[in-house]
Amino acid sequence: MTLDIWLFAAVCLFVLAFCAVLRVIPGPTLHDRLLAVNVAATLACAGALTLTVSAGNLIIPVIAGLIECIVFVATIRIAEVHRSEVL
């Protein structure tokens, strides 16, 4: 039995992304919650890239990149709408 180091790294990054998502729920301010969402999306995208190396499937980064773009656009839009709460 061999340990696939890329798969282990992907699992670790997904666990860290999940921890960042847990920070969104009790976040004291909108700014803190938006930052936690961006960190979670970035860690999940990094986990998807390492999973691509492990699995060898090239559709994974495409889907992860699209989801990442949607999350970033949504957080930018929320920050623009609630500008007074963020500052």
C-alpha atoms as a PDB file:
ATOM      1  CA  MET A   1       0.000   0.000   0.000  1.00  0.00           C
ATOM      2  CA  THR A   2       1.497   3.310  -1.039  1.00  0.00           C
ATOM      3  CA  LEU A   3       0.502   6.757   0.093  1.00  0.00           C
ATOM      4  CA  ASP A   4      -0.284   9.142  -2.717  1.00  0.00           C
ATOM      5  CA  ILE A   5       1.194  12.402  -1.447  1.00  0.00           C
ATOM      6  CA  TRP A   6      -0.836  14.497  -3.902  1.00  0.00           C
ATOM      7  CA  LEU A   7      -4.073  12.963  -2.676  1.00  0.00           C
ATOM      8  CA  PHE A   8      -3.020  13.553   0.929  1.00  0.00           C
ATOM      9  CA  ALA A   9      -2.240  17.203   0.119  1.00  0.00           C
ATOM     10  CA  ALA A  10      -5.622  17.601  -1.580  1.00  0.00           C
ATOM     11  CA  VAL A  11      -7.434  16.170   1.442  1.00  0.00           C
ATOM     12  CA  CYS A  12      -5.514  18.507   3.756  1.00  0.00           C
ATOM     13  CA  LEU A  13      -6.393  21.520   1.607  1.00  0.00           C
ATOM     14  CA  PHE A  14     -10.060  20.516   1.527  1.00  0.00           C
ATOM     15  CA  VAL A  15     -10.066  20.164   5.322  1.00  0.00           C
ATOM     16  CA  LEU A  16      -8.562  23.650   5.635  1.00  0.00           C
ATOM     17  CA  ALA A  17     -11.187  25.001   3.220  1.00  0.00           C
ATOM     18  CA  PHE A  18     -13.899  23.424   5.362  1.00  0.00           C
ATOM     19  CA  CYS A  19     -12.408  25.111   8.441  1.00  0.00           C
ATOM     20  CA  ALA A  20     -12.528  28.447   6.616  1.00  0.00           C
ATOM     21  CA  VAL A  21     -16.177  27.827   5.757  1.00  0.00           C
ATOM     22  CA  LEU A  22     -16.855  27.242   9.456  1.00  0.00           C
ATOM     23  CA  ARG A  23     -15.461  30.728  10.071  1.00  0.00           C
ATOM     24  CA  VAL A  24     -18.159  32.219   7.839  1.00  0.00           C
ATOM     25  CA  ILE A  25     -20.973  31.224  10.214  1.00  0.00           C
ATOM     26  CA  PRO A  26     -19.877  33.058  13.411  1.00  0.00           C
ATOM     27  CA  GLY A  27     -18.020  35.864  11.653  1.00  0.00           C
ATOM     28  CA  PRO A  28     -18.515  39.053  13.649  1.00  0.00           C
ATOM     29  CA  THR A  29     -18.521  41.390  10.658  1.00  0.00           C
ATOM     30  CA  LEU A  30     -19.389  41.204   6.999  1.00  0.00           C
ATOM     31  CA  HIS A  31     -15.760  41.915   6.148  1.00  0.00           C
ATOM     32  CA  ASP A  32     -14.630  38.885   8.162  1.00  0.00           C
ATOM     33  CA  ARG A  33     -17.199  36.625   6.494  1.00  0.00           C
ATOM     34  CA  LEU A  34     -16.277  37.789   2.979  1.00  0.00           C
ATOM     35  CA  LEU A  35     -12.608  37.177   3.689  1.00  0.00           C
ATOM     36  CA  ALA A  36     -13.376  33.688   5.012  1.00  0.00           C
ATOM     37  CA  VAL A  37     -15.365  32.865   1.865  1.00  0.00           C
ATOM     38  CA  ASN A  38     -12.484  34.008  -0.357  1.00  0.00           C
ATOM     39  CA  VAL A  39      -9.943  32.005   1.657  1.00  0.00           C
ATOM     40  CA  ALA A  40     -12.160  28.914   1.523  1.00  0.00           C
ATOM     41  CA  ALA A  41     -12.594  29.243  -2.242  1.00  0.00           C
ATOM     42  CA  THR A  42      -8.860  29.688  -2.763  1.00  0.00           C
ATOM     43  CA  LEU A  43      -7.987  26.675  -0.605  1.00  0.00           C
ATOM     44  CA  ALA A  44     -10.615  24.552  -2.344  1.00  0.00           C
ATOM     45  CA  CYS A  45      -9.210  25.551  -5.738  1.00  0.00           C
ATOM     46  CA  ALA A  46      -5.708  24.625  -4.594  1.00  0.00           C
ATOM     47  CA  GLY A  47      -7.082  21.312  -3.356  1.00  0.00           C
ATOM     48  CA  ALA A  48      -8.701  20.742  -6.738  1.00  0.00           C
ATOM     49  CA  LEU A  49      -5.409  21.413  -8.498  1.00  0.00           C
ATOM     50  CA  THR A  50      -3.569  18.908  -6.321  1.00  0.00           C
ATOM     51  CA  LEU A  51      -6.405  16.435  -6.850  1.00  0.00           C
ATOM     52  CA  THR A  52      -5.885  16.915 -10.589  1.00  0.00           C
ATOM     53  CA  VAL A  53      -2.263  15.852 -10.245  1.00  0.00           C
ATOM     54  CA  SER A  54      -3.331  12.822  -8.225  1.00  0.00           C
ATOM     55  CA  ALA A  55      -6.261  11.763 -10.414  1.00  0.00           C
ATOM     56  CA  GLY A  56      -4.944  12.899 -13.785  1.00  0.00           C
ATOM     57  CA  ASN A  57      -8.348  14.255 -14.798  1.00  0.00           C
ATOM     58  CA  LEU A  58      -8.145  17.678 -16.469  1.00  0.00           C
ATOM     59  CA  ILE A  59     -11.812  18.584 -16.065  1.00  0.00           C
ATOM     60  CA  ILE A  60     -11.353  19.143 -12.310  1.00  0.00           C
ATOM     61  CA  PRO A  61      -9.418  22.453 -12.584  1.00  0.00           C
ATOM     62  CA  VAL A  62     -11.864  23.769 -15.178  1.00  0.00           C
ATOM     63  CA  ILE A  63     -14.820  23.200 -12.891  1.00  0.00           C
ATOM     64  CA  ALA A  64     -12.895  24.516  -9.867  1.00  0.00           C
ATOM     65  CA  GLY A  65     -11.876  27.639 -11.786  1.00  0.00           C
ATOM     66  CA  LEU A  66     -15.442  28.365 -12.830  1.00  0.00           C
ATOM     67  CA  ILE A  67     -16.711  27.953  -9.280  1.00  0.00           C
ATOM     68  CA  GLU A  68     -13.863  30.124  -8.006  1.00  0.00           C
ATOM     69  CA  CYS A  69     -14.735  32.906 -10.460  1.00  0.00           C
ATOM     70  CA  ILE A  70     -18.395  32.772  -9.454  1.00  0.00           C
ATOM     71  CA  VAL A  71     -17.489  32.998  -5.761  1.00  0.00           C
ATOM     72  CA  PHE A  72     -15.128  35.932  -6.307  1.00  0.00           C
ATOM     73  CA  VAL A  73     -17.665  37.846  -8.407  1.00  0.00           C
ATOM     74  CA  ALA A  74     -20.341  37.226  -5.782  1.00  0.00           C
ATOM     75  CA  THR A  75     -18.147  38.468  -2.929  1.00  0.00           C
ATOM     76  CA  ILE A  76     -17.165  41.566  -4.897  1.00  0.00           C
ATOM     77  CA  ARG A  77     -20.823  42.297  -5.598  1.00  0.00           C
ATOM     78  CA  ILE A  78     -21.802  41.791  -1.951  1.00  0.00           C
ATOM     79  CA  ALA A  79     -18.981  44.084  -0.846  1.00  0.00           C
ATOM     80  CA  GLU A  80     -20.151  46.767  -3.287  1.00  0.00           C
ATOM     81  CA  VAL A  81     -23.780  46.556  -2.185  1.00  0.00           C
ATOM     82  CA  HIS A  82     -22.914  46.635   1.525  1.00  0.00           C
ATOM     83  CA  ARG A  83     -20.058  49.143   1.279  1.00  0.00           C
ATOM     84  CA  SER A  84     -21.029  50.955   4.492  1.00  0.00           C
ATOM     85  CA  GLU A  85     -20.948  47.715   6.538  1.00  0.00           C
ATOM     86  CA  VAL A  86     -17.529  46.640   5.232  1.00  0.00           C
ATOM     87  CA  LEU A  87     -15.801  49.899   6.039  1.00  0.00           C
END
